[in-house]
Protein backbone atom coordinates (compact mmCIF):
# COMPACT_ATOMS: atom_id res chain seq x y z
CA MET A 1 7.36 7.56 22.64
CA PHE A 2 9.44 4.95 24.46
CA GLN A 3 11.82 6.28 27.10
CA TYR A 4 15.04 4.26 27.21
CA LYS A 5 16.22 3.23 30.69
CA ASP A 6 19.91 2.43 30.27
CA LYS A 7 20.22 0.64 33.62
CA TYR A 8 17.76 -2.06 32.53
CA ILE A 9 18.47 -2.80 28.83
CA ASN A 10 21.60 -3.51 26.76
CA ASN A 11 20.04 -5.10 23.67
CA HIS A 12 17.50 -3.20 21.57
CA HIS A 13 15.76 -6.44 20.52
CA GLN A 14 14.41 -6.62 24.06
CA ILE A 15 12.28 -3.61 23.05
CA GLY A 16 12.03 -3.87 19.26
CA GLY A 17 13.98 -3.80 16.02
CA ILE A 18 14.30 -5.50 12.64
CA GLU A 19 14.73 -9.23 12.07
CA THR A 20 15.29 -10.69 8.60
CA SER A 21 14.71 -14.24 7.37
CA ILE A 22 13.76 -16.37 4.37
CA LEU A 23 10.46 -18.26 4.23
CA ASP A 24 11.04 -22.00 3.83
CA ASN A 25 7.52 -23.38 3.36
CA GLY A 26 4.23 -22.75 1.61
CA ILE A 27 3.24 -20.45 -1.22
CA GLY A 28 5.74 -17.78 -0.20
CA LYS A 29 8.70 -20.18 -0.04
CA GLY A 30 11.95 -18.44 -0.85
CA ASN A 31 10.71 -14.91 -0.14
CA ARG A 32 13.12 -12.73 1.81
CA ILE A 33 11.29 -10.89 4.57
CA ALA A 34 11.85 -8.61 7.53
CA TRP A 35 9.74 -8.33 10.65
CA ILE A 36 9.78 -4.84 12.12
CA ASN A 37 8.78 -4.58 15.77
CA THR A 38 8.31 -0.95 16.79
CA GLY A 39 8.08 -1.76 20.50
CA SER A 40 4.75 0.06 20.65
CA GLY A 41 2.44 -2.87 19.87
CA LEU A 42 2.78 -2.23 16.13
CA ARG A 43 4.70 -4.89 14.19
CA PHE A 44 4.65 -5.73 10.49
CA LYS A 45 6.35 -7.78 7.78
CA VAL A 46 8.18 -6.30 4.79
CA ASN A 47 8.37 -8.57 1.73
CA PHE A 48 11.69 -7.80 0.02
CA ASP A 49 10.85 -9.94 -3.01
CA ARG A 50 7.44 -8.35 -3.51
CA GLY A 51 8.52 -4.78 -4.24
CA MET A 52 9.27 -4.12 -0.55
CA ASP A 53 5.54 -4.19 0.09
CA ILE A 54 4.11 -4.76 3.57
CA GLY A 55 2.30 -8.01 4.33
CA GLU A 56 0.90 -8.92 7.73
CA ALA A 57 0.61 -6.12 10.29
CA PHE A 58 -0.64 -6.16 13.88
CA PHE A 59 -1.36 -3.74 16.69
CA ASN A 60 -1.14 -5.57 19.99
CA GLN A 61 -3.21 -8.73 19.44
CA HIS A 62 -5.27 -7.24 16.59
CA CYS A 63 -4.61 -7.86 12.90
CA LEU A 64 -4.85 -4.70 10.77
CA THR A 65 -4.87 -6.24 7.32
CA TRP A 66 -6.77 -8.46 4.96
CA LEU A 67 -5.04 -11.52 3.50
CA SER A 68 -6.36 -13.47 0.54
CA HIS A 69 -7.13 -17.17 0.87
CA GLY A 70 -3.88 -18.13 -0.81
CA GLY A 71 -1.76 -15.64 1.09
CA ILE A 72 1.20 -13.75 -0.36
CA PRO A 73 3.07 -15.95 -2.83
CA ALA A 74 6.63 -15.78 -4.05
CA SER A 75 7.16 -13.15 -6.72
CA GLN A 76 6.05 -13.94 -10.26
CA THR A 77 7.73 -11.48 -12.58
CA LEU A 78 5.36 -12.05 -15.53
CA SER A 79 2.23 -11.29 -13.53
CA ASP A 80 1.52 -8.12 -15.55
CA ILE A 81 -0.23 -10.04 -18.35
CA GLY A 82 -4.03 -9.90 -18.52
CA ILE A 83 -5.59 -10.71 -15.14
CA ASN A 84 -2.63 -12.75 -13.85
CA TRP A 85 -2.05 -10.12 -11.13
CA LEU A 86 -5.12 -11.44 -9.31
CA ARG A 87 -3.38 -14.80 -8.85
CA THR A 88 -0.51 -13.14 -6.99
CA PHE A 89 -2.48 -10.52 -5.04
CA GLY A 90 -2.28 -11.70 -1.45
CA GLY A 91 -3.49 -8.50 0.18
CA GLY A 92 -1.39 -7.41 3.13
CA LEU A 93 -1.12 -3.90 4.46
CA LEU A 94 0.38 -2.51 1.24
CA THR A 95 0.50 -3.73 -2.33
CA THR A 96 2.16 -1.19 -4.63
CA CYS A 97 0.55 -0.76 -8.06
CA GLY A 98 2.36 0.63 -11.09
CA LEU A 99 4.83 1.91 -12.04
CA GLN A 100 3.46 2.57 -15.52
CA HIS A 101 -0.15 1.39 -15.28
CA VAL A 102 -2.85 1.33 -12.61
CA GLY A 103 -6.18 -0.23 -13.53
CA GLY A 104 -7.59 -3.17 -15.45
CA PRO A 105 -6.04 -4.98 -18.42
CA GLU A 106 -5.93 -2.94 -21.62
CA SER A 107 -4.14 -2.52 -24.92
CA ASP A 108 -3.61 0.33 -27.36
CA GLU A 109 -0.99 1.55 -29.83
CA PHE A 110 1.43 1.96 -26.91
CA GLY A 111 1.28 -1.69 -25.85
CA GLU A 112 -0.55 -4.21 -23.68
CA ARG A 113 -0.88 -3.83 -19.94
CA GLY A 114 -2.17 -6.20 -17.27
CA ILE A 115 -3.92 -5.33 -14.02
CA HIS A 116 -2.00 -2.84 -11.86
CA GLY A 117 1.41 -3.35 -13.42
CA ASN A 118 4.33 -5.44 -12.23
CA ILE A 119 6.16 -3.56 -9.46
CA SER A 120 4.67 -5.64 -6.63
CA ASN A 121 6.12 -8.81 -8.19
CA LEU A 122 9.69 -7.59 -8.52
CA PRO A 123 12.43 -8.27 -5.95
CA ALA A 124 14.31 -5.47 -4.23
CA GLU A 125 18.04 -5.00 -3.86
CA ILE A 126 18.43 -4.09 -0.19
CA GLU A 127 20.86 -1.24 0.33
CA SER A 128 20.69 -0.84 4.10
CA ILE A 129 19.07 -2.09 7.28
CA ILE A 130 19.57 0.31 10.18
CA GLN A 131 18.74 -0.85 13.68
CA PRO A 132 18.01 1.43 16.63
CA ASP A 133 21.01 2.22 18.82
CA LEU A 134 19.94 2.72 22.43
CA ASP A 135 23.33 3.87 23.72
CA ARG A 136 23.44 6.68 21.17
CA GLY A 137 19.81 7.61 21.61
CA GLN A 138 19.05 6.66 18.00
CA MET A 139 15.49 5.39 18.01
CA GLU A 140 14.92 5.32 14.24
CA MET A 141 15.14 2.03 12.38
CA SER A 142 14.81 1.66 8.63
CA ILE A 143 15.11 -0.51 5.54
CA THR A 144 16.13 1.00 2.20
CA GLY A 145 16.07 -0.80 -1.13
CA ILE A 146 15.84 -0.48 -4.91
CA VAL A 147 13.28 -2.15 -7.17
CA LYS A 148 13.93 -2.02 -10.93
CA GLU A 149 11.13 -2.21 -13.52
CA SER A 150 13.31 -2.56 -16.56
CA LYS A 151 13.68 -4.14 -19.98
CA ILE A 152 16.00 -3.73 -22.95
CA PHE A 153 15.02 -0.75 -25.15
CA GLY A 154 13.06 0.59 -22.16
CA PRO A 155 11.16 1.68 -20.22
CA ASN A 156 13.58 1.61 -17.28
CA LEU A 157 12.12 2.86 -14.03
CA GLU A 158 13.65 2.52 -10.59
CA LEU A 159 11.78 2.65 -7.30
CA ARG A 160 13.94 3.61 -4.32
CA ARG A 161 11.99 2.87 -1.12
CA LYS A 162 12.73 3.58 2.52
CA ILE A 163 10.48 2.22 5.26
CA SER A 164 11.21 3.68 8.67
CA CYS A 165 9.85 3.68 12.22
CA HIS A 166 10.84 5.00 15.62
CA LEU A 167 11.26 2.65 18.54
CA GLY A 168 8.26 3.08 20.84
CA SER A 169 6.08 4.87 18.28
CA ALA A 170 3.16 3.18 16.48
CA GLU A 171 3.91 4.85 13.14
CA ILE A 172 5.25 3.82 9.72
CA LYS A 173 6.80 6.16 7.18
CA ILE A 174 7.14 5.11 3.52
CA GLU A 175 9.40 7.32 1.40
CA ASP A 176 9.60 6.53 -2.31
CA GLU A 177 11.47 8.01 -5.23
CA VAL A 178 10.73 6.89 -8.80
CA ILE A 179 13.56 7.61 -11.24
CA ASN A 180 13.60 7.23 -15.02
CA ARG A 181 16.91 5.48 -15.69
CA GLY A 182 16.14 5.05 -19.40
CA ASN A 183 16.88 7.35 -22.33
CA THR A 184 13.26 7.94 -23.39
CA GLU A 185 10.29 9.65 -21.77
CA THR A 186 8.23 7.14 -19.76
CA PRO A 187 4.70 7.18 -18.27
CA LEU A 188 4.35 7.03 -14.50
CA MET A 189 1.29 5.76 -12.64
CA LEU A 190 1.56 4.83 -8.96
CA LEU A 191 -1.07 3.70 -6.46
CA TYR A 192 -0.64 2.61 -2.83
CA HIS A 193 -3.13 -0.24 -2.40
CA PHE A 194 -3.63 -0.43 1.40
CA ASN A 195 -5.84 -3.36 2.40
CA PHE A 196 -7.51 -3.39 5.82
CA GLY A 197 -9.27 -6.38 7.32
CA TYR A 198 -10.71 -8.06 10.42
CA PRO A 199 -10.76 -7.36 13.30
CA LEU A 200 -9.92 -3.71 12.57
CA VAL A 201 -12.53 -3.83 9.81
CA GLN A 202 -15.82 -5.34 10.91
CA GLU A 203 -19.47 -4.33 11.12
CA GLY A 204 -19.58 -0.83 12.64
CA THR A 205 -16.02 0.21 11.76
CA ARG A 206 -15.99 3.79 10.49
CA ILE A 207 -14.26 4.64 7.20
CA LEU A 208 -12.75 8.11 7.38
CA TRP A 209 -12.11 10.33 4.39
CA GLU A 210 -13.25 13.73 3.14
CA GLY A 211 -13.58 15.02 -0.40
CA GLU A 212 -15.65 14.99 -3.55
CA TRP A 213 -16.41 11.50 -4.82
CA LYS A 214 -18.08 9.51 -7.56
CA PRO A 215 -18.77 5.80 -8.15
CA ARG A 216 -16.20 4.13 -10.38
CA PHE A 217 -18.71 3.31 -13.11
CA GLY A 218 -20.89 6.39 -12.73
CA GLY A 219 -24.41 6.50 -11.34
CA GLU A 220 -25.93 3.53 -13.14
CA TYR A 221 -24.91 0.57 -10.96
CA PRO A 222 -23.91 1.55 -7.41
CA LYS A 223 -25.68 0.01 -4.43
CA ILE A 224 -23.27 1.38 -1.82
CA PHE A 225 -21.79 4.58 -3.21
CA LYS A 226 -24.91 6.64 -3.79
CA VAL A 227 -26.15 9.86 -2.26
CA GLY A 228 -28.01 9.29 1.00
CA ASN A 229 -26.42 5.92 1.73
CA ASP A 230 -24.11 5.40 4.71
CA PHE A 231 -21.06 4.09 2.87
CA LYS A 232 -18.65 5.17 5.63
CA THR A 233 -19.83 2.56 8.13
CA CYS A 234 -18.80 -1.02 7.42
CA PRO A 235 -21.81 -3.34 7.10
CA ALA A 236 -22.22 -7.00 7.98
CA PRO A 237 -20.94 -9.33 5.24
CA LEU A 238 -23.00 -8.83 2.07
CA GLU A 239 -24.55 -11.60 -0.02
CA SER A 240 -24.05 -9.39 -3.09
CA HIS A 241 -20.28 -9.32 -2.47
CA LYS A 242 -19.73 -13.06 -2.75
CA GLY A 243 -17.33 -13.87 -5.56
CA GLY A 244 -16.46 -10.74 -7.51
CA GLY A 245 -18.93 -8.40 -5.84
CA GLU A 246 -17.42 -5.05 -4.92
CA GLU A 247 -17.84 -1.31 -5.23
CA VAL A 248 -15.32 1.48 -5.63
CA ALA A 249 -15.46 5.22 -5.02
CA LEU A 250 -13.10 7.61 -6.79
CA ILE A 251 -12.32 10.47 -4.41
CA THR A 252 -10.68 13.87 -4.78
CA PRO A 253 -9.39 14.10 -1.21
CA LYS A 254 -9.66 17.27 0.80
CA ALA A 255 -6.34 18.76 1.93
CA ASP A 256 -5.59 20.90 4.96
CA GLU A 257 -3.83 24.28 4.91
CA ASN A 258 -0.47 22.49 4.58
CA GLY A 259 -1.58 20.42 1.60
CA LYS A 260 -1.86 17.21 3.63
CA CYS A 261 -4.69 14.71 3.11
CA ARG A 262 -5.78 12.25 5.77
CA CYS A 263 -7.93 9.16 5.72
CA GLY A 264 -8.25 6.03 7.79
CA LEU A 265 -10.44 3.74 9.87
CA PHE A 266 -11.70 3.69 13.44
CA ASN A 267 -13.16 0.68 15.22
CA PRO A 268 -15.34 1.84 18.15
CA LYS A 269 -15.61 -1.71 19.54
CA LEU A 270 -11.84 -2.06 19.83
CA ASN A 271 -11.36 1.67 20.50
CA PHE A 272 -8.48 2.25 18.14
CA GLY A 273 -7.92 3.28 14.56
CA ILE A 274 -5.34 3.91 11.87
CA GLU A 275 -4.66 7.23 10.14
CA MET A 276 -2.94 7.67 6.78
CA GLU A 277 -1.36 10.98 5.73
CA PHE A 278 -0.10 11.96 2.27
CA ASP A 279 0.65 15.11 0.29
CA LYS A 280 -1.96 16.11 -2.28
CA THR A 281 0.62 17.58 -4.64
CA GLN A 282 2.26 14.13 -4.81
CA LEU A 283 -0.83 11.93 -4.64
CA PRO A 284 -3.92 13.90 -5.75
CA THR A 285 -6.37 10.97 -5.86
CA LEU A 286 -7.85 8.50 -3.37
CA THR A 287 -9.76 5.29 -4.06
CA ASN A 288 -12.01 3.49 -1.56
CA TRP A 289 -12.45 -0.19 -2.45
CA GLN A 290 -15.18 -2.03 -0.55
CA HIS A 291 -15.48 -5.82 -0.86
CA PHE A 292 -17.54 -7.11 2.06
CA GLY A 293 -17.91 -10.75 1.05
CA GLU A 294 -18.47 -13.51 3.58
CA GLY A 295 -15.04 -14.81 4.55
CA GLU A 296 -13.46 -12.25 2.23
CA TYR A 297 -14.09 -8.98 4.03
CA VAL A 298 -11.85 -6.05 3.15
CA THR A 299 -11.80 -2.34 2.45
CA GLY A 300 -8.99 -0.55 0.67
CA LEU A 301 -7.83 3.06 0.96
CA GLU A 302 -5.57 3.83 -1.97
CA PRO A 303 -3.84 7.19 -2.55
CA GLY A 304 -2.34 7.55 -6.01
CA THR A 305 -1.06 9.71 -8.81
CA ASN A 306 -4.22 8.66 -10.66
CA TRP A 307 -7.39 6.74 -9.96
CA PRO A 308 -7.18 3.11 -11.22
CA ILE A 309 -8.59 4.01 -14.62
CA GLY A 310 -5.67 2.71 -16.68
CA GLN A 311 -2.93 4.35 -18.68
CA LYS A 312 -5.10 4.65 -21.78
CA GLN A 313 -7.86 6.66 -20.07
CA ALA A 314 -5.38 8.78 -18.13
CA ARG A 315 -3.64 9.60 -21.40
CA GLU A 316 -6.94 10.57 -23.03
CA ASN A 317 -7.82 12.72 -19.99
CA GLN A 318 -4.39 14.40 -20.27
CA GLU A 319 -3.72 13.33 -16.68
CA LEU A 320 -0.87 10.91 -17.39
CA ILE A 321 2.48 11.84 -15.84
CA PHE A 322 5.64 11.45 -17.95
CA LEU A 323 9.17 11.27 -16.60
CA LYS A 324 11.98 12.50 -18.80
CA PRO A 325 15.33 10.66 -18.75
CA ASN A 326 16.94 11.01 -15.29
CA GLU A 327 13.86 12.82 -13.97
CA SER A 328 12.41 11.62 -10.68
CA ARG A 329 9.42 12.15 -8.40
CA ARG A 330 9.18 11.66 -4.65
CA PHE A 331 6.26 10.33 -2.64
CA GLU A 332 5.65 9.95 1.08
CA VAL A 333 2.91 8.16 3.01
CA LYS A 334 2.67 7.99 6.79
CA LEU A 335 0.51 5.67 8.89
CA LYS A 336 -0.10 5.83 12.62
CA ILE A 337 -2.21 3.96 15.14
CA TYR A 338 -4.30 6.05 17.50
């Protein structure tokens, strides 16, 4: 933790803090953003107009995240139709999925749903930006905002998100509350789609998680996620992962005596890693996405209320969460560099 020396500094931006701006060029033109510099080597960009998700993130000179070829575009509020979400998925450290559906496109008697819902394409109303105050010894900085997934006649869900850090500490805390502002019961599915890329993720990087697991499509097709295979060490880019090649493991994460689950990555070449912590009572599932294509090399670690199986399957499995009017649920995810 950074120790403030009051005889040397009178402006916190000399150490770190939050800077906001609006992008004026390229595919993200018009997006409101904030760069958060923790003063510890960890700095990252919050995209206000993309559900307050986190885009680029760095530790010292090293990028932590994967970015798609097109990058992170301006929000497109009708992206929840069919596979349109793939056109707007730019990667970044965090893309939030939900709030009512997590999984592929589907339809049933309850409606039609596109890939991973719409929350990551909705702009936030920023309530507060709190800077560190060195003179008062206040090292916490934070951004709080509201994202509304709403339509006439419902459903009407509200995501209240706070992203906070401490000056001098290489940690990020994400605190979310999802509230049903409508007058009818509404499904809730939420998944935190964390996307890690080069140079943190490269051949030899270790993928860290514990728990029971299964391949997404069962035992018929997997080449990576099968018993006896080392699927926790990142390979060289795979020919089979060009284009749409990928594999996914559905994990029931192991919790400690306090109910906390941990997962992450460690790069022995760079000698640092990232650890994610979440509460199993809030987020009982974990998904490991591996897409090791040439020039498109990424692995995802994704805690969620459900695996990305879709609202229809979750309903059939009696695993779908419903929020009554004015009911809410809280979620917290922490990340730290070590």
